[in-house]
Protein backbone atom coordinates (compact mmCIF):
# COMPACT_ATOMS: atom_id res chain seq x y z
CA MET A 1 -11.34 56.59 120.78
CA LYS A 2 -12.31 53.02 120.64
CA GLU A 3 -15.00 53.72 118.15
CA ARG A 4 -12.56 55.59 116.06
CA PHE A 5 -10.16 52.70 116.16
CA GLU A 6 -12.94 50.31 115.27
CA ARG A 7 -14.04 52.52 112.48
CA GLU A 8 -10.50 52.76 111.15
CA ARG A 9 -10.06 49.01 111.40
CA LYS A 10 -13.31 48.57 109.67
CA GLU A 11 -12.29 50.94 106.95
CA GLU A 12 -8.98 49.20 106.78
CA ARG A 13 -10.62 45.84 106.44
CA GLN A 14 -12.96 47.31 103.92
CA LYS A 15 -10.05 48.68 101.92
CA ILE A 16 -8.30 45.36 102.16
CA GLU A 17 -11.43 43.61 101.01
CA GLU A 18 -11.89 46.08 98.22
CA GLU A 19 -8.27 45.59 97.26
CA ARG A 20 -8.72 41.86 97.39
CA GLN A 21 -11.86 42.11 95.35
CA LYS A 22 -10.07 44.37 92.94
CA GLN A 23 -7.18 41.95 92.64
CA LYS A 24 -9.66 39.19 92.25
CA ARG A 25 -11.42 41.05 89.48
CA GLU A 26 -8.11 41.88 87.87
CA ARG A 27 -7.04 38.27 88.16
CA GLU A 28 -10.34 37.12 86.77
CA GLU A 29 -10.05 39.70 84.04
CA LYS A 30 -6.58 38.52 83.25
CA GLU A 31 -7.78 34.96 83.28
CA ARG A 32 -10.60 35.90 80.92
CA GLU A 33 -8.14 37.78 78.74
CA TYR A 34 -5.81 34.80 78.87
CA LYS A 35 -8.63 32.44 77.99
CA ASN A 36 -9.79 34.77 75.27
CA LYS A 37 -6.28 35.06 73.93
CA LYS A 38 -5.84 31.34 74.29
CA THR A 39 -9.10 30.78 72.50
CA GLU A 40 -8.08 33.28 69.86
CA MET A 41 -4.69 31.60 69.54
CA GLU A 42 -6.29 28.17 69.36
CA THR A 43 -8.77 29.46 66.85
CA HIS A 44 -5.94 31.07 64.93
CA TYR A 45 -3.85 27.92 65.05
CA GLU A 46 -6.86 25.82 64.13
CA ARG A 47 -7.54 28.13 61.23
CA LEU A 48 -3.89 27.97 60.25
CA GLU A 49 -3.92 24.18 60.61
CA ARG A 50 -7.13 24.00 58.61
CA GLU A 51 -5.67 26.28 55.96
CA ARG A 52 -2.48 24.24 56.01
CA LYS A 53 -4.46 21.01 55.61
CA GLU A 54 -6.55 22.57 52.87
CA GLU A 55 -3.39 23.83 51.19
CA TRP A 56 -1.83 20.39 51.57
CA LYS A 57 -4.95 18.78 50.18
CA ARG A 58 -5.03 21.29 47.33
CA ARG A 59 -1.37 20.68 46.55
CA LYS A 60 -1.86 16.94 46.90
CA ARG A 61 -4.85 17.12 44.61
CA GLU A 62 -2.89 19.22 42.12
CA ASP A 63 0.05 16.82 42.42
CA ASP A 64 -2.28 13.87 41.93
CA GLU A 65 -3.89 15.56 38.94
CA ARG A 66 -0.48 16.48 37.56
CA ARG A 67 0.78 12.94 38.13
CA GLU A 68 -2.39 11.57 36.54
CA GLU A 69 -1.94 13.87 33.56
CA GLU A 70 1.73 12.89 33.41
CA ARG A 71 0.76 9.23 33.65
CA LYS A 72 -1.83 9.67 30.88
CA ARG A 73 0.70 11.55 28.76
CA TRP A 74 3.30 8.83 29.28
CA LYS A 75 0.68 6.19 28.61
CA GLU A 76 -0.29 7.95 25.37
CA MET A 77 3.38 8.33 24.44
CA ILE A 78 4.00 4.63 25.13
CA GLU A 79 0.89 3.67 23.16
CA ASP A 80 2.00 5.95 20.32
CA LEU A 81 5.47 4.39 20.40
CA LYS A 82 4.00 0.89 20.48
CA ARG A 83 1.65 1.75 17.63
CA GLU A 84 4.53 3.28 15.64
CA GLN A 85 6.66 0.21 16.36
CA GLU A 86 3.81 -2.07 15.27
CA GLU A 87 3.27 0.00 12.12
CA GLU A 88 7.02 -0.01 11.45
CA THR A 89 7.14 -3.78 12.02
CA LYS A 90 4.16 -4.28 9.69
CA ARG A 91 5.74 -1.95 7.12
CA ARG A 92 9.03 -3.85 7.27
CA GLU A 93 7.25 -7.19 7.06
CA ARG A 94 5.20 -5.91 4.12
CA GLU A 95 8.33 -4.60 2.39
CA ALA A 96 10.15 -7.86 3.14
CA ASN A 97 7.25 -9.88 1.70
CA GLU A 98 7.05 -7.61 -1.33
CA ARG A 99 10.83 -7.86 -1.83
CA LYS A 100 10.66 -11.64 -1.42
CA GLU A 101 7.77 -11.90 -3.91
CA ARG A 102 9.60 -9.58 -6.31
CA GLU A 103 12.83 -11.61 -6.02
CA GLU A 104 10.91 -14.87 -6.48
CA LYS A 105 9.15 -13.39 -9.50
CA GLU A 106 12.48 -12.21 -10.92
CA ARG A 107 14.00 -15.67 -10.29
CA ASP A 108 11.00 -17.33 -11.94
CA GLU A 109 11.24 -14.94 -14.88
CA MET A 110 15.01 -15.54 -15.17
CA LYS A 111 14.43 -19.30 -14.89
CA TRP A 112 11.68 -19.17 -17.52
CA LYS A 113 13.84 -16.95 -19.74
CA HIS A 114 16.79 -19.32 -19.33
CA GLN A 115 14.57 -22.30 -20.14
CA GLU A 116 13.19 -20.49 -23.18
CA GLU A 117 16.72 -19.60 -24.30
CA MET A 118 17.79 -23.22 -23.81
CA LYS A 119 14.75 -24.41 -25.76
CA GLN A 120 15.48 -21.93 -28.54
CA MET A 121 19.17 -22.91 -28.57
CA LYS A 122 18.21 -26.61 -28.60
CA LYS A 123 15.66 -25.99 -31.37
CA LYS A 124 18.19 -23.90 -33.29
CA HIS A 125 20.82 -26.61 -32.87
CA GLU A 126 18.32 -29.30 -33.92
CA ASP A 127 17.23 -27.17 -36.89
CA GLU A 128 20.85 -26.59 -37.90
CA ALA A 129 21.65 -30.28 -37.43
CA ARG A 130 18.54 -31.24 -39.43
CA LYS A 131 19.41 -28.65 -42.07
CA GLN A 132 22.99 -29.94 -42.26
CA ALA A 133 21.70 -33.51 -42.44
CA GLU A 134 19.24 -32.53 -45.18
CA GLU A 135 21.96 -30.61 -47.01
CA HIS A 136 24.31 -33.58 -46.58
CA ASN A 137 21.63 -35.95 -47.84
CA ASP A 138 20.81 -33.58 -50.70
CA PHE A 139 24.51 -33.33 -51.50
CA LYS A 140 24.88 -37.13 -51.39
CA GLU A 141 21.81 -37.50 -53.58
CA ARG A 142 23.06 -34.85 -56.00
CA LYS A 143 26.52 -36.38 -55.98
CA GLU A 144 25.18 -39.89 -56.52
CA GLN A 145 22.91 -38.54 -59.22
CA HIS A 146 25.88 -36.76 -60.76
CA VAL A 147 27.95 -39.95 -60.53
CA GLN A 148 25.10 -41.87 -62.16
CA GLU A 149 24.90 -39.22 -64.86
CA LEU A 150 28.66 -39.48 -65.37
CA LYS A 151 28.43 -43.25 -65.51
CA GLN A 152 25.64 -42.93 -68.05
CA MET A 153 27.75 -40.45 -70.00
CA LEU A 154 30.70 -42.85 -69.76
CA GLU A 155 28.56 -45.71 -70.98
CA GLU A 156 27.30 -43.54 -73.81
CA ARG A 157 30.87 -42.52 -74.61
CA GLN A 158 31.92 -46.14 -74.48
CA LYS A 159 29.12 -46.97 -76.85
CA GLN A 160 30.19 -44.08 -79.03
CA HIS A 161 33.75 -45.36 -78.76
CA GLU A 162 32.64 -48.80 -79.88
CA LEU A 163 30.79 -47.18 -82.74
CA LEU A 164 33.87 -45.17 -83.54
CA GLU A 165 35.93 -48.34 -83.39
CA LYS A 166 33.61 -49.92 -85.85
CA LEU A 167 33.57 -46.76 -87.93
CA TYR A 168 37.34 -46.64 -87.67
CA LYS A 169 37.66 -50.15 -88.97
CA HIS A 170 35.20 -49.32 -91.66
CA LEU A 171 36.93 -46.12 -92.66
CA GLN A 172 40.47 -47.27 -91.95
CA GLU A 173 41.19 -47.83 -95.57
CA HIS A 174 40.01 -44.36 -96.56
CA SER A 175 41.32 -42.02 -93.89
CA ARG A 176 43.64 -43.62 -91.36
CA HIS A 177 45.11 -40.35 -90.18
CA GLU A 178 41.80 -38.56 -89.67
CA ILE A 179 40.33 -41.50 -87.81
CA LYS A 180 43.37 -41.68 -85.56
CA GLU A 181 42.93 -38.05 -84.45
CA LEU A 182 39.27 -38.61 -83.76
CA GLN A 183 40.09 -41.66 -81.71
CA ASP A 184 42.70 -39.78 -79.66
CA GLU A 185 40.21 -37.01 -78.98
CA LYS A 186 37.58 -39.45 -77.77
CA GLU A 187 40.12 -41.28 -75.65
CA GLN A 188 41.12 -38.01 -74.00
CA GLU A 189 37.48 -37.21 -73.23
CA ARG A 190 37.07 -40.67 -71.76
CA GLU A 191 40.09 -40.19 -69.50
CA GLU A 192 38.78 -36.83 -68.33
CA LEU A 193 35.46 -38.45 -67.46
CA LEU A 194 37.24 -41.17 -65.52
CA LYS A 195 39.25 -38.56 -63.63
CA GLU A 196 36.06 -36.66 -62.78
CA ILE A 197 34.46 -39.85 -61.45
CA VAL A 198 37.52 -40.61 -59.30
CA ARG A 199 37.58 -37.05 -57.95
CA LEU A 200 33.88 -37.21 -57.00
CA LYS A 201 34.39 -40.54 -55.27
CA LYS A 202 37.21 -39.03 -53.20
CA ARG A 203 34.99 -36.11 -52.22
CA LYS A 204 32.28 -38.57 -51.19
CA CYS A 205 34.72 -40.45 -48.94
CA VAL A 206 35.88 -37.22 -47.33
CA ILE A 207 32.31 -36.06 -46.61
CA GLN A 208 31.30 -39.43 -45.13
């Protein structure tokens, strides 16, 4: 009986030990599974973190490249605008200089043309004045010459009159009436000559 009890206790202890060992193995197995899962989770999270970092780096790199391209594009646009502004400024300056030169040339041409017109007008006025003076002098000379000719004619007529007077006296006894008519005719011619001389003298005074 005692042996049986001992055997049963031994079996019981053995079962308990087996159970404890089993629980221990299960616990160890669970711990291993937990560790494995933990390791797997850590590995997974590390992989995810690595992928996230790589994705962040990739996006950052793409953003940096995009920003760099944008910066280059803006820089090129600004340079193009600056170059266009410089070209426009140069074009306007060139046009302004050309317009200024053209206006100065036109002013010089107008000034030269005006001076030439003034010279021509002055020359024309001087020529007309000289021509009028020459015509006036020619007229005075012709008039004086004409007056001299008239005076000479008057002197000749006076001489003829004296001759007629003498002839009249000589022929008075023969033809008094005929001589008287001749004398009146000569006297009339003499008066006409005197009137012509007076008229020319008046014209000379008016012209002077």
